[in-house]
Structure formats: C-alpha cells, structure tokens
Amino acid sequence: MTLTQTKVLAPNEGLRLQSGPGRDLIFKLTGEDTGGAFDYFIVEVAPYGGPPLHVHHKQEETIHVLKGKFKVRIGDGIFYLNEGDFAYLPSK
C-alpha cells in the first residue's frame, strides 16, 4: 500500500463529517489517500451514542478508546473498553 501523498495533520485537522447526533468524525486518511486500502478516522461519541449494530463484509475495523469508555458487541460477545483499550473486528 502506498499513500498517494504525504500527510501530516494537527490533532483537530482532517475532513470533518457528522455521522448522526453526537457522532462527529475527523478523517485523517480516506480511501482516496490510501488507494482504497483503508480509512483512518477519529470519532467523538456522545454518552450512550455510537453507531447502530452493523457488519462489515469487506472492511476490517479497529476501535481504540482514547478517552472515556465504550461498549462494543463482537459476534455474541459484549466488551467494555476503557481508556487505552483496543479492539480488532475482522470482516465477515
């Protein structure tokens, strides 16, 4: 994988999008930047917010909690992530 261009961004820089109430995304890299290999974004989630349950059929997903706590369902398991915790969710 080769980046189409070098990028260096400050903490609040990047493409900002709203993904629903209380879910603001800051894309640091998009598929356009990586030749379709992956996206990288930071999302700020309001308490008790987050995306609805969903499955990625082709896309892998990671979650890294920078601040606060986050509950995630992976298959039949429920995991409670705290600051610094990381989860990897393979595509189905």
N, C-alpha and C. Protein backbone atom coordinates (compact mmCIF):
# COMPACT_ATOMS: atom_id res chain seq x y z
N MET A 1 0.85 -1.17 0.00
CA MET A 1 0.00 0.00 0.00
C MET A 1 0.89 1.23 0.00
N THR A 2 0.59 2.15 -0.87
CA THR A 2 1.33 3.40 -0.95
C THR A 2 0.36 4.56 -0.82
N LEU A 3 0.70 5.49 0.06
CA LEU A 3 -0.12 6.69 0.16
C LEU A 3 0.04 7.49 -1.12
N THR A 4 -1.05 8.08 -1.58
CA THR A 4 -0.97 8.88 -2.79
C THR A 4 -0.25 10.19 -2.54
N GLN A 5 -0.20 10.63 -1.28
CA GLN A 5 0.55 11.83 -0.93
C GLN A 5 0.87 11.79 0.56
N THR A 6 1.93 12.45 0.95
CA THR A 6 2.30 12.53 2.36
C THR A 6 1.31 13.45 3.08
N LYS A 7 0.97 13.09 4.31
CA LYS A 7 0.06 13.91 5.10
C LYS A 7 0.59 14.03 6.51
N VAL A 8 0.60 15.22 7.02
CA VAL A 8 0.92 15.49 8.42
C VAL A 8 -0.17 16.42 8.92
N LEU A 9 -0.89 15.98 9.96
CA LEU A 9 -2.05 16.74 10.44
C LEU A 9 -1.95 17.02 11.94
N ALA A 10 -2.40 18.18 12.33
CA ALA A 10 -2.52 18.53 13.74
C ALA A 10 -3.73 17.80 14.34
N PRO A 11 -3.85 17.76 15.66
CA PRO A 11 -4.93 16.99 16.29
C PRO A 11 -6.34 17.29 15.75
N ASN A 12 -6.68 18.53 15.48
CA ASN A 12 -8.04 18.85 15.03
C ASN A 12 -8.16 18.99 13.51
N GLU A 13 -7.11 18.67 12.77
CA GLU A 13 -7.17 18.78 11.31
C GLU A 13 -7.67 17.48 10.69
N GLY A 14 -8.28 17.61 9.54
CA GLY A 14 -8.80 16.48 8.79
C GLY A 14 -10.18 16.80 8.27
N LEU A 15 -10.71 15.90 7.48
CA LEU A 15 -12.06 16.04 6.92
C LEU A 15 -13.07 15.76 8.02
N ARG A 16 -13.89 16.77 8.37
CA ARG A 16 -14.88 16.62 9.44
C ARG A 16 -16.25 16.29 8.85
N LEU A 17 -16.87 15.25 9.39
CA LEU A 17 -18.21 14.85 8.98
C LEU A 17 -19.03 14.51 10.22
N GLN A 18 -20.34 14.77 10.15
CA GLN A 18 -21.25 14.32 11.20
C GLN A 18 -21.87 13.02 10.73
N SER A 19 -21.84 12.01 11.60
CA SER A 19 -22.35 10.69 11.27
C SER A 19 -23.61 10.39 12.07
N GLY A 20 -24.31 11.42 12.48
CA GLY A 20 -25.51 11.25 13.28
C GLY A 20 -25.39 12.10 14.53
N PRO A 21 -26.45 12.19 15.29
CA PRO A 21 -26.42 13.01 16.51
C PRO A 21 -25.34 12.52 17.47
N GLY A 22 -24.46 13.42 17.86
CA GLY A 22 -23.42 13.08 18.83
C GLY A 22 -22.30 12.24 18.28
N ARG A 23 -22.15 12.15 16.95
CA ARG A 23 -21.06 11.38 16.35
C ARG A 23 -20.36 12.24 15.30
N ASP A 24 -19.31 12.90 15.71
CA ASP A 24 -18.52 13.73 14.80
C ASP A 24 -17.25 12.98 14.43
N LEU A 25 -17.01 12.83 13.13
CA LEU A 25 -15.84 12.11 12.64
C LEU A 25 -14.81 13.09 12.09
N ILE A 26 -13.53 12.81 12.37
CA ILE A 26 -12.43 13.55 11.77
C ILE A 26 -11.60 12.53 11.01
N PHE A 27 -11.72 12.55 9.68
CA PHE A 27 -10.95 11.62 8.85
C PHE A 27 -9.52 12.14 8.71
N LYS A 28 -8.57 11.35 9.15
CA LYS A 28 -7.16 11.66 8.98
C LYS A 28 -6.69 11.15 7.61
N LEU A 29 -7.19 10.00 7.20
CA LEU A 29 -6.93 9.43 5.87
C LEU A 29 -8.24 8.86 5.33
N THR A 30 -8.44 9.00 4.05
CA THR A 30 -9.61 8.40 3.39
C THR A 30 -9.12 7.37 2.37
N GLY A 31 -10.04 6.62 1.81
CA GLY A 31 -9.70 5.66 0.77
C GLY A 31 -9.00 6.32 -0.41
N GLU A 32 -9.35 7.57 -0.68
CA GLU A 32 -8.67 8.30 -1.76
C GLU A 32 -7.19 8.49 -1.45
N ASP A 33 -6.87 8.74 -0.18
CA ASP A 33 -5.47 8.94 0.23
C ASP A 33 -4.66 7.65 0.16
N THR A 34 -5.31 6.50 0.39
CA THR A 34 -4.60 5.22 0.52
C THR A 34 -4.82 4.28 -0.66
N GLY A 35 -5.33 4.80 -1.76
CA GLY A 35 -5.60 3.92 -2.90
C GLY A 35 -6.65 2.88 -2.59
N GLY A 36 -7.59 3.20 -1.69
CA GLY A 36 -8.67 2.28 -1.35
C GLY A 36 -8.31 1.25 -0.29
N ALA A 37 -7.10 1.32 0.27
CA ALA A 37 -6.67 0.31 1.24
C ALA A 37 -7.41 0.43 2.57
N PHE A 38 -7.58 1.66 3.07
CA PHE A 38 -8.26 1.84 4.35
C PHE A 38 -8.58 3.32 4.57
N ASP A 39 -9.46 3.56 5.55
CA ASP A 39 -9.74 4.89 6.08
C ASP A 39 -9.19 4.91 7.50
N TYR A 40 -8.84 6.07 7.98
CA TYR A 40 -8.48 6.23 9.38
C TYR A 40 -9.18 7.49 9.87
N PHE A 41 -9.97 7.33 10.92
CA PHE A 41 -10.68 8.49 11.45
C PHE A 41 -10.82 8.40 12.95
N ILE A 42 -11.04 9.55 13.55
CA ILE A 42 -11.32 9.67 14.97
C ILE A 42 -12.78 10.07 15.09
N VAL A 43 -13.47 9.45 16.00
CA VAL A 43 -14.88 9.79 16.20
C VAL A 43 -15.10 10.14 17.66
N GLU A 44 -15.79 11.24 17.88
CA GLU A 44 -16.20 11.63 19.22
C GLU A 44 -17.64 11.18 19.38
N VAL A 45 -17.88 10.35 20.39
CA VAL A 45 -19.21 9.77 20.59
C VAL A 45 -19.80 10.33 21.87
N ALA A 46 -21.02 10.83 21.78
CA ALA A 46 -21.74 11.33 22.96
C ALA A 46 -22.06 10.15 23.88
N PRO A 47 -22.24 10.40 25.18
CA PRO A 47 -22.62 9.32 26.09
C PRO A 47 -23.84 8.56 25.57
N TYR A 48 -23.74 7.24 25.63
CA TYR A 48 -24.79 6.31 25.16
C TYR A 48 -25.02 6.42 23.66
N GLY A 49 -24.08 7.03 22.94
CA GLY A 49 -24.18 7.15 21.48
C GLY A 49 -23.34 6.08 20.81
N GLY A 50 -23.17 6.24 19.54
CA GLY A 50 -22.39 5.30 18.75
C GLY A 50 -23.22 4.79 17.60
N PRO A 51 -22.58 4.07 16.70
CA PRO A 51 -23.31 3.59 15.52
C PRO A 51 -24.27 2.45 15.89
N PRO A 52 -25.28 2.23 15.05
CA PRO A 52 -26.15 1.07 15.27
C PRO A 52 -25.36 -0.21 14.99
N LEU A 53 -25.87 -1.34 15.47
CA LEU A 53 -25.23 -2.62 15.18
C LEU A 53 -25.11 -2.79 13.67
N HIS A 54 -23.92 -3.23 13.23
CA HIS A 54 -23.70 -3.40 11.81
C HIS A 54 -22.59 -4.42 11.57
N VAL A 55 -22.47 -4.89 10.34
CA VAL A 55 -21.46 -5.86 9.94
C VAL A 55 -20.71 -5.29 8.75
N HIS A 56 -19.39 -5.44 8.77
CA HIS A 56 -18.57 -5.08 7.61
C HIS A 56 -18.23 -6.38 6.88
N HIS A 57 -18.65 -6.50 5.64
CA HIS A 57 -18.39 -7.72 4.88
C HIS A 57 -17.02 -7.73 4.22
N LYS A 58 -16.48 -6.56 3.90
CA LYS A 58 -15.19 -6.49 3.23
C LYS A 58 -14.17 -5.68 4.01
N GLN A 59 -14.61 -4.89 4.93
CA GLN A 59 -13.76 -3.92 5.61
C GLN A 59 -13.46 -4.39 7.03
N GLU A 60 -12.19 -4.35 7.42
CA GLU A 60 -11.80 -4.64 8.79
C GLU A 60 -12.05 -3.38 9.63
N GLU A 61 -12.18 -3.54 10.93
CA GLU A 61 -12.44 -2.38 11.78
C GLU A 61 -11.62 -2.51 13.06
N THR A 62 -11.13 -1.37 13.54
CA THR A 62 -10.45 -1.32 14.83
C THR A 62 -11.09 -0.21 15.65
N ILE A 63 -11.03 -0.38 16.96
CA ILE A 63 -11.52 0.65 17.88
C ILE A 63 -10.43 0.85 18.92
N HIS A 64 -10.04 2.08 19.13
CA HIS A 64 -9.05 2.43 20.15
C HIS A 64 -9.66 3.56 20.98
N VAL A 65 -9.92 3.29 22.23
CA VAL A 65 -10.57 4.27 23.11
C VAL A 65 -9.51 5.22 23.65
N LEU A 66 -9.62 6.49 23.28
CA LEU A 66 -8.66 7.49 23.74
C LEU A 66 -9.08 8.13 25.05
N LYS A 67 -10.41 8.24 25.25
CA LYS A 67 -10.92 8.88 26.45
C LYS A 67 -12.30 8.31 26.75
N GLY A 68 -12.58 8.06 28.00
CA GLY A 68 -13.90 7.56 28.38
C GLY A 68 -13.98 6.04 28.28
N LYS A 69 -15.20 5.56 28.02
CA LYS A 69 -15.49 4.13 27.93
C LYS A 69 -16.35 3.88 26.70
N PHE A 70 -16.33 2.65 26.20
CA PHE A 70 -17.11 2.32 25.01
C PHE A 70 -17.52 0.85 25.09
N LYS A 71 -18.79 0.57 24.87
CA LYS A 71 -19.29 -0.80 24.85
C LYS A 71 -19.39 -1.25 23.39
N VAL A 72 -18.87 -2.42 23.09
CA VAL A 72 -18.89 -2.92 21.71
C VAL A 72 -19.35 -4.38 21.71
N ARG A 73 -20.15 -4.71 20.72
CA ARG A 73 -20.58 -6.10 20.54
C ARG A 73 -19.80 -6.68 19.38
N ILE A 74 -19.15 -7.81 19.63
CA ILE A 74 -18.42 -8.53 18.59
C ILE A 74 -18.98 -9.94 18.58
N GLY A 75 -19.73 -10.28 17.52
CA GLY A 75 -20.41 -11.57 17.49
C GLY A 75 -21.43 -11.62 18.61
N ASP A 76 -21.35 -12.64 19.44
CA ASP A 76 -22.27 -12.78 20.57
C ASP A 76 -21.71 -12.18 21.85
N GLY A 77 -20.48 -11.65 21.78
CA GLY A 77 -19.83 -11.12 22.98
C GLY A 77 -20.02 -9.62 23.14
N ILE A 78 -20.14 -9.18 24.38
CA ILE A 78 -20.20 -7.76 24.72
C ILE A 78 -18.90 -7.43 25.47
N PHE A 79 -18.23 -6.39 25.02
CA PHE A 79 -16.96 -6.00 25.63
C PHE A 79 -17.06 -4.55 26.08
N TYR A 80 -16.49 -4.25 27.24
CA TYR A 80 -16.48 -2.91 27.79
C TYR A 80 -15.05 -2.39 27.71
N LEU A 81 -14.82 -1.43 26.83
CA LEU A 81 -13.50 -0.90 26.60
C LEU A 81 -13.31 0.37 27.43
N ASN A 82 -12.16 0.49 28.06
CA ASN A 82 -11.80 1.66 28.85
C ASN A 82 -10.69 2.43 28.14
N GLU A 83 -10.33 3.58 28.69
CA GLU A 83 -9.27 4.40 28.09
C GLU A 83 -8.04 3.55 27.82
N GLY A 84 -7.53 3.64 26.58
CA GLY A 84 -6.34 2.90 26.19
C GLY A 84 -6.64 1.53 25.61
N ASP A 85 -7.85 0.99 25.82
CA ASP A 85 -8.18 -0.33 25.30
C ASP A 85 -8.34 -0.29 23.78
N PHE A 86 -8.18 -1.46 23.16
CA PHE A 86 -8.19 -1.60 21.70
C PHE A 86 -8.97 -2.85 21.35
N ALA A 87 -9.72 -2.79 20.26
CA ALA A 87 -10.43 -3.97 19.76
C ALA A 87 -10.23 -4.06 18.25
N TYR A 88 -10.07 -5.28 17.75
CA TYR A 88 -9.97 -5.55 16.32
C TYR A 88 -11.17 -6.39 15.91
N LEU A 89 -11.89 -5.95 14.89
CA LEU A 89 -13.07 -6.66 14.42
C LEU A 89 -12.84 -7.05 12.95
N PRO A 90 -12.58 -8.33 12.69
CA PRO A 90 -12.36 -8.75 11.31
C PRO A 90 -13.65 -8.67 10.50
N SER A 91 -13.51 -8.54 9.20
CA SER A 91 -14.71 -8.52 8.33
C SER A 91 -15.35 -9.90 8.35
N LYS A 92 -16.61 -9.95 8.00
CA LYS A 92 -17.38 -11.20 7.97
C LYS A 92 -17.59 -11.64 6.55
